[in-house]
Amino acid sequence: MSSGRQAPSSTATTVTTAISLKTGPGSLAVNHTYPRRTPVLGLVFAGVHVLLTTSAADHVTRDDLEFARCLAREAASFARTLEHRFAEEISA
């Protein structure tokens, strides 16, 4: 992670593949909730659809929750960084 934070050692893995998905027109993130299964986070990037699910559809583990919290923190940090850059660019 570029923020210098590391994933917990229990979930740390070696990166073997990187996928770059660029935001832009049509990019979308949607949380799909269901009454009888765990939620699914849907991401769309220029026609590429990514579905993020928990480790099991019928229950949530501590690792699932820790990952969701990490994802939320990093997404909020990403948004704040973009907001600052955008403000700098429009004021220049």
N, C-alpha and C. Protein backbone atom coordinates (compact mmCIF):
# COMPACT_ATOMS: atom_id res chain seq x y z
N MET A 1 0.85 -1.18 0.00
CA MET A 1 0.00 0.00 0.00
C MET A 1 0.89 1.23 0.00
N SER A 2 0.56 2.20 -0.78
CA SER A 2 1.39 3.39 -0.88
C SER A 2 1.36 4.25 0.38
N SER A 3 0.37 4.08 1.23
CA SER A 3 0.27 4.88 2.44
C SER A 3 1.27 4.45 3.50
N GLY A 4 2.01 3.38 3.24
CA GLY A 4 2.98 2.90 4.19
C GLY A 4 2.39 1.91 5.18
N ARG A 5 1.07 1.75 5.19
CA ARG A 5 0.46 0.78 6.09
C ARG A 5 0.57 -0.60 5.44
N GLN A 6 0.71 -1.60 6.27
CA GLN A 6 0.83 -2.97 5.79
C GLN A 6 -0.41 -3.74 6.23
N ALA A 7 -0.76 -4.74 5.44
CA ALA A 7 -1.85 -5.62 5.82
C ALA A 7 -1.42 -6.41 7.05
N PRO A 8 -2.37 -6.83 7.88
CA PRO A 8 -2.00 -7.65 9.03
C PRO A 8 -1.21 -8.87 8.58
N SER A 9 -0.23 -9.28 9.40
CA SER A 9 0.64 -10.38 9.00
C SER A 9 -0.12 -11.67 8.75
N SER A 10 -1.26 -11.84 9.41
CA SER A 10 -2.02 -13.07 9.19
C SER A 10 -2.63 -13.13 7.80
N THR A 11 -2.78 -11.98 7.14
CA THR A 11 -3.37 -11.97 5.81
C THR A 11 -2.39 -11.49 4.75
N ALA A 12 -1.15 -11.17 5.15
CA ALA A 12 -0.17 -10.67 4.18
C ALA A 12 0.21 -11.78 3.21
N THR A 13 0.26 -11.43 1.94
CA THR A 13 0.65 -12.39 0.91
C THR A 13 1.62 -11.71 -0.04
N THR A 14 2.30 -12.52 -0.81
CA THR A 14 3.20 -11.99 -1.82
C THR A 14 2.39 -11.65 -3.07
N VAL A 15 2.59 -10.44 -3.59
CA VAL A 15 1.88 -10.02 -4.78
C VAL A 15 2.52 -10.68 -6.00
N THR A 16 1.72 -11.37 -6.78
CA THR A 16 2.23 -12.00 -7.98
C THR A 16 1.63 -11.41 -9.25
N THR A 17 0.51 -10.71 -9.12
CA THR A 17 -0.17 -10.11 -10.25
C THR A 17 -0.71 -8.75 -9.85
N ALA A 18 -0.61 -7.78 -10.73
CA ALA A 18 -1.21 -6.47 -10.49
C ALA A 18 -2.17 -6.17 -11.63
N ILE A 19 -3.32 -5.65 -11.29
CA ILE A 19 -4.33 -5.28 -12.28
C ILE A 19 -4.60 -3.80 -12.11
N SER A 20 -4.48 -3.04 -13.18
CA SER A 20 -4.72 -1.60 -13.12
C SER A 20 -6.07 -1.31 -13.77
N LEU A 21 -6.98 -0.72 -12.99
CA LEU A 21 -8.30 -0.35 -13.48
C LEU A 21 -8.43 1.16 -13.33
N LYS A 22 -8.63 1.86 -14.42
CA LYS A 22 -8.67 3.32 -14.40
C LYS A 22 -10.09 3.84 -14.22
N THR A 23 -10.22 4.84 -13.34
CA THR A 23 -11.51 5.48 -13.15
C THR A 23 -11.78 6.41 -14.33
N GLY A 24 -13.01 6.84 -14.44
CA GLY A 24 -13.39 7.75 -15.51
C GLY A 24 -14.88 7.66 -15.73
N PRO A 25 -15.35 8.21 -16.85
CA PRO A 25 -16.78 8.16 -17.15
C PRO A 25 -17.29 6.72 -17.13
N GLY A 26 -18.37 6.48 -16.43
CA GLY A 26 -18.95 5.14 -16.37
C GLY A 26 -18.41 4.30 -15.23
N SER A 27 -17.36 4.75 -14.54
CA SER A 27 -16.86 3.99 -13.38
C SER A 27 -17.88 4.06 -12.27
N LEU A 28 -18.01 2.97 -11.55
CA LEU A 28 -19.08 2.88 -10.57
C LEU A 28 -18.70 1.90 -9.46
N ALA A 29 -19.10 2.20 -8.25
CA ALA A 29 -18.97 1.28 -7.12
C ALA A 29 -20.33 1.19 -6.44
N VAL A 30 -20.84 -0.03 -6.26
CA VAL A 30 -22.16 -0.23 -5.68
C VAL A 30 -22.12 -1.39 -4.69
N ASN A 31 -22.67 -1.16 -3.50
CA ASN A 31 -22.80 -2.23 -2.51
C ASN A 31 -24.16 -2.89 -2.71
N HIS A 32 -24.14 -4.17 -3.07
CA HIS A 32 -25.39 -4.92 -3.27
C HIS A 32 -25.66 -5.72 -2.00
N THR A 33 -26.79 -5.44 -1.35
CA THR A 33 -27.16 -6.18 -0.14
C THR A 33 -28.25 -7.18 -0.46
N TYR A 34 -28.25 -8.27 0.28
CA TYR A 34 -29.20 -9.36 0.06
C TYR A 34 -29.71 -9.84 1.42
N PRO A 35 -30.97 -10.26 1.48
CA PRO A 35 -31.51 -10.69 2.78
C PRO A 35 -30.92 -12.01 3.29
N ARG A 36 -30.47 -12.89 2.41
CA ARG A 36 -30.03 -14.22 2.85
C ARG A 36 -28.57 -14.54 2.55
N ARG A 37 -27.79 -13.54 2.20
CA ARG A 37 -26.37 -13.78 1.96
C ARG A 37 -25.60 -12.50 2.29
N THR A 38 -24.29 -12.62 2.34
CA THR A 38 -23.46 -11.46 2.63
C THR A 38 -23.48 -10.51 1.43
N PRO A 39 -23.14 -9.25 1.65
CA PRO A 39 -23.19 -8.28 0.54
C PRO A 39 -22.11 -8.54 -0.51
N VAL A 40 -22.32 -7.94 -1.67
CA VAL A 40 -21.36 -8.01 -2.77
C VAL A 40 -21.06 -6.58 -3.19
N LEU A 41 -19.79 -6.23 -3.22
CA LEU A 41 -19.38 -4.92 -3.69
C LEU A 41 -19.08 -5.03 -5.18
N GLY A 42 -19.81 -4.28 -5.98
CA GLY A 42 -19.61 -4.30 -7.42
C GLY A 42 -18.86 -3.06 -7.87
N LEU A 43 -17.82 -3.27 -8.66
CA LEU A 43 -17.02 -2.19 -9.22
C LEU A 43 -17.05 -2.31 -10.74
N VAL A 44 -17.23 -1.19 -11.42
CA VAL A 44 -17.26 -1.18 -12.89
C VAL A 44 -16.25 -0.15 -13.37
N PHE A 45 -15.38 -0.58 -14.27
CA PHE A 45 -14.36 0.28 -14.88
C PHE A 45 -14.40 0.05 -16.38
N ALA A 46 -14.95 0.99 -17.13
CA ALA A 46 -14.97 0.93 -18.59
C ALA A 46 -15.37 -0.46 -19.10
N GLY A 47 -16.44 -1.00 -18.57
CA GLY A 47 -16.93 -2.28 -19.05
C GLY A 47 -16.37 -3.49 -18.33
N VAL A 48 -15.37 -3.32 -17.50
CA VAL A 48 -14.83 -4.42 -16.70
C VAL A 48 -15.58 -4.44 -15.37
N HIS A 49 -16.18 -5.56 -15.04
CA HIS A 49 -16.94 -5.70 -13.81
C HIS A 49 -16.15 -6.54 -12.82
N VAL A 50 -16.02 -6.03 -11.59
CA VAL A 50 -15.32 -6.74 -10.52
C VAL A 50 -16.31 -6.91 -9.38
N LEU A 51 -16.46 -8.12 -8.89
CA LEU A 51 -17.33 -8.39 -7.75
C LEU A 51 -16.48 -8.82 -6.57
N LEU A 52 -16.64 -8.12 -5.47
CA LEU A 52 -15.89 -8.41 -4.25
C LEU A 52 -16.86 -9.02 -3.25
N THR A 53 -16.55 -10.24 -2.82
CA THR A 53 -17.43 -10.95 -1.89
C THR A 53 -16.66 -11.37 -0.66
N THR A 54 -17.38 -11.84 0.34
CA THR A 54 -16.74 -12.37 1.54
C THR A 54 -16.27 -13.80 1.28
N SER A 55 -15.53 -14.35 2.23
CA SER A 55 -14.96 -15.68 2.06
C SER A 55 -16.04 -16.77 1.97
N ALA A 56 -17.21 -16.50 2.51
CA ALA A 56 -18.34 -17.43 2.42
C ALA A 56 -19.62 -16.60 2.28
N ALA A 57 -20.58 -17.11 1.55
CA ALA A 57 -21.81 -16.35 1.30
C ALA A 57 -22.77 -16.35 2.48
N ASP A 58 -22.59 -17.27 3.41
CA ASP A 58 -23.58 -17.40 4.49
C ASP A 58 -23.13 -16.89 5.85
N HIS A 59 -21.87 -16.42 5.97
CA HIS A 59 -21.42 -15.85 7.24
C HIS A 59 -20.23 -14.92 7.01
N VAL A 60 -19.95 -14.10 8.02
CA VAL A 60 -18.86 -13.12 7.95
C VAL A 60 -17.80 -13.52 8.97
N THR A 61 -16.55 -13.54 8.53
CA THR A 61 -15.45 -13.86 9.43
C THR A 61 -14.79 -12.57 9.92
N ARG A 62 -13.96 -12.70 10.94
CA ARG A 62 -13.20 -11.56 11.44
C ARG A 62 -12.30 -11.00 10.32
N ASP A 63 -11.69 -11.89 9.53
CA ASP A 63 -10.85 -11.44 8.41
C ASP A 63 -11.66 -10.66 7.38
N ASP A 64 -12.90 -11.10 7.10
CA ASP A 64 -13.76 -10.37 6.17
C ASP A 64 -14.00 -8.95 6.68
N LEU A 65 -14.30 -8.84 7.96
CA LEU A 65 -14.58 -7.53 8.56
C LEU A 65 -13.34 -6.66 8.58
N GLU A 66 -12.19 -7.22 8.93
CA GLU A 66 -10.94 -6.46 8.93
C GLU A 66 -10.61 -5.95 7.53
N PHE A 67 -10.81 -6.80 6.52
CA PHE A 67 -10.55 -6.36 5.15
C PHE A 67 -11.51 -5.25 4.75
N ALA A 68 -12.79 -5.38 5.08
CA ALA A 68 -13.77 -4.35 4.73
C ALA A 68 -13.41 -3.01 5.37
N ARG A 69 -12.98 -3.05 6.62
CA ARG A 69 -12.58 -1.82 7.30
C ARG A 69 -11.33 -1.21 6.66
N CYS A 70 -10.38 -2.05 6.30
CA CYS A 70 -9.16 -1.58 5.62
C CYS A 70 -9.53 -0.97 4.27
N LEU A 71 -10.40 -1.64 3.52
CA LEU A 71 -10.83 -1.12 2.23
C LEU A 71 -11.51 0.23 2.38
N ALA A 72 -12.36 0.37 3.39
CA ALA A 72 -13.05 1.64 3.63
C ALA A 72 -12.06 2.75 3.97
N ARG A 73 -11.08 2.45 4.83
CA ARG A 73 -10.07 3.46 5.19
C ARG A 73 -9.27 3.89 3.96
N GLU A 74 -8.82 2.94 3.18
CA GLU A 74 -8.00 3.27 2.01
C GLU A 74 -8.81 3.98 0.94
N ALA A 75 -10.09 3.60 0.77
CA ALA A 75 -10.94 4.29 -0.20
C ALA A 75 -11.18 5.73 0.24
N ALA A 76 -11.38 5.95 1.54
CA ALA A 76 -11.56 7.32 2.06
C ALA A 76 -10.28 8.13 1.86
N SER A 77 -9.14 7.52 2.09
CA SER A 77 -7.86 8.21 1.88
C SER A 77 -7.66 8.54 0.41
N PHE A 78 -8.01 7.62 -0.47
CA PHE A 78 -7.93 7.83 -1.92
C PHE A 78 -8.79 9.03 -2.31
N ALA A 79 -10.03 9.07 -1.80
CA ALA A 79 -10.96 10.17 -2.11
C ALA A 79 -10.42 11.51 -1.60
N ARG A 80 -9.89 11.53 -0.37
CA ARG A 80 -9.34 12.78 0.16
C ARG A 80 -8.16 13.27 -0.69
N THR A 81 -7.31 12.36 -1.09
CA THR A 81 -6.16 12.75 -1.92
C THR A 81 -6.63 13.32 -3.26
N LEU A 82 -7.62 12.68 -3.88
CA LEU A 82 -8.17 13.20 -5.14
C LEU A 82 -8.81 14.57 -4.94
N GLU A 83 -9.53 14.75 -3.83
CA GLU A 83 -10.17 16.04 -3.56
C GLU A 83 -9.14 17.15 -3.45
N HIS A 84 -8.03 16.87 -2.75
CA HIS A 84 -6.97 17.88 -2.63
C HIS A 84 -6.33 18.19 -3.99
N ARG A 85 -6.04 17.15 -4.76
CA ARG A 85 -5.44 17.36 -6.08
C ARG A 85 -6.38 18.13 -6.99
N PHE A 86 -7.66 17.78 -6.96
CA PHE A 86 -8.64 18.47 -7.80
C PHE A 86 -8.73 19.93 -7.41
N ALA A 87 -8.77 20.22 -6.10
CA ALA A 87 -8.83 21.61 -5.64
C ALA A 87 -7.60 22.40 -6.07
N GLU A 88 -6.44 21.77 -6.00
CA GLU A 88 -5.20 22.43 -6.45
C GLU A 88 -5.25 22.72 -7.94
N GLU A 89 -5.75 21.78 -8.72
CA GLU A 89 -5.76 21.94 -10.18
C GLU A 89 -6.75 23.01 -10.63
N ILE A 90 -7.92 23.09 -9.97
CA ILE A 90 -8.89 24.09 -10.43
C ILE A 90 -8.54 25.49 -9.94
N SER A 91 -7.71 25.58 -8.90
CA SER A 91 -7.32 26.90 -8.41
C SER A 91 -6.05 27.40 -9.09
N ALA A 92 -5.41 26.56 -9.88
CA ALA A 92 -4.17 26.97 -10.56
C ALA A 92 -4.45 27.80 -11.79
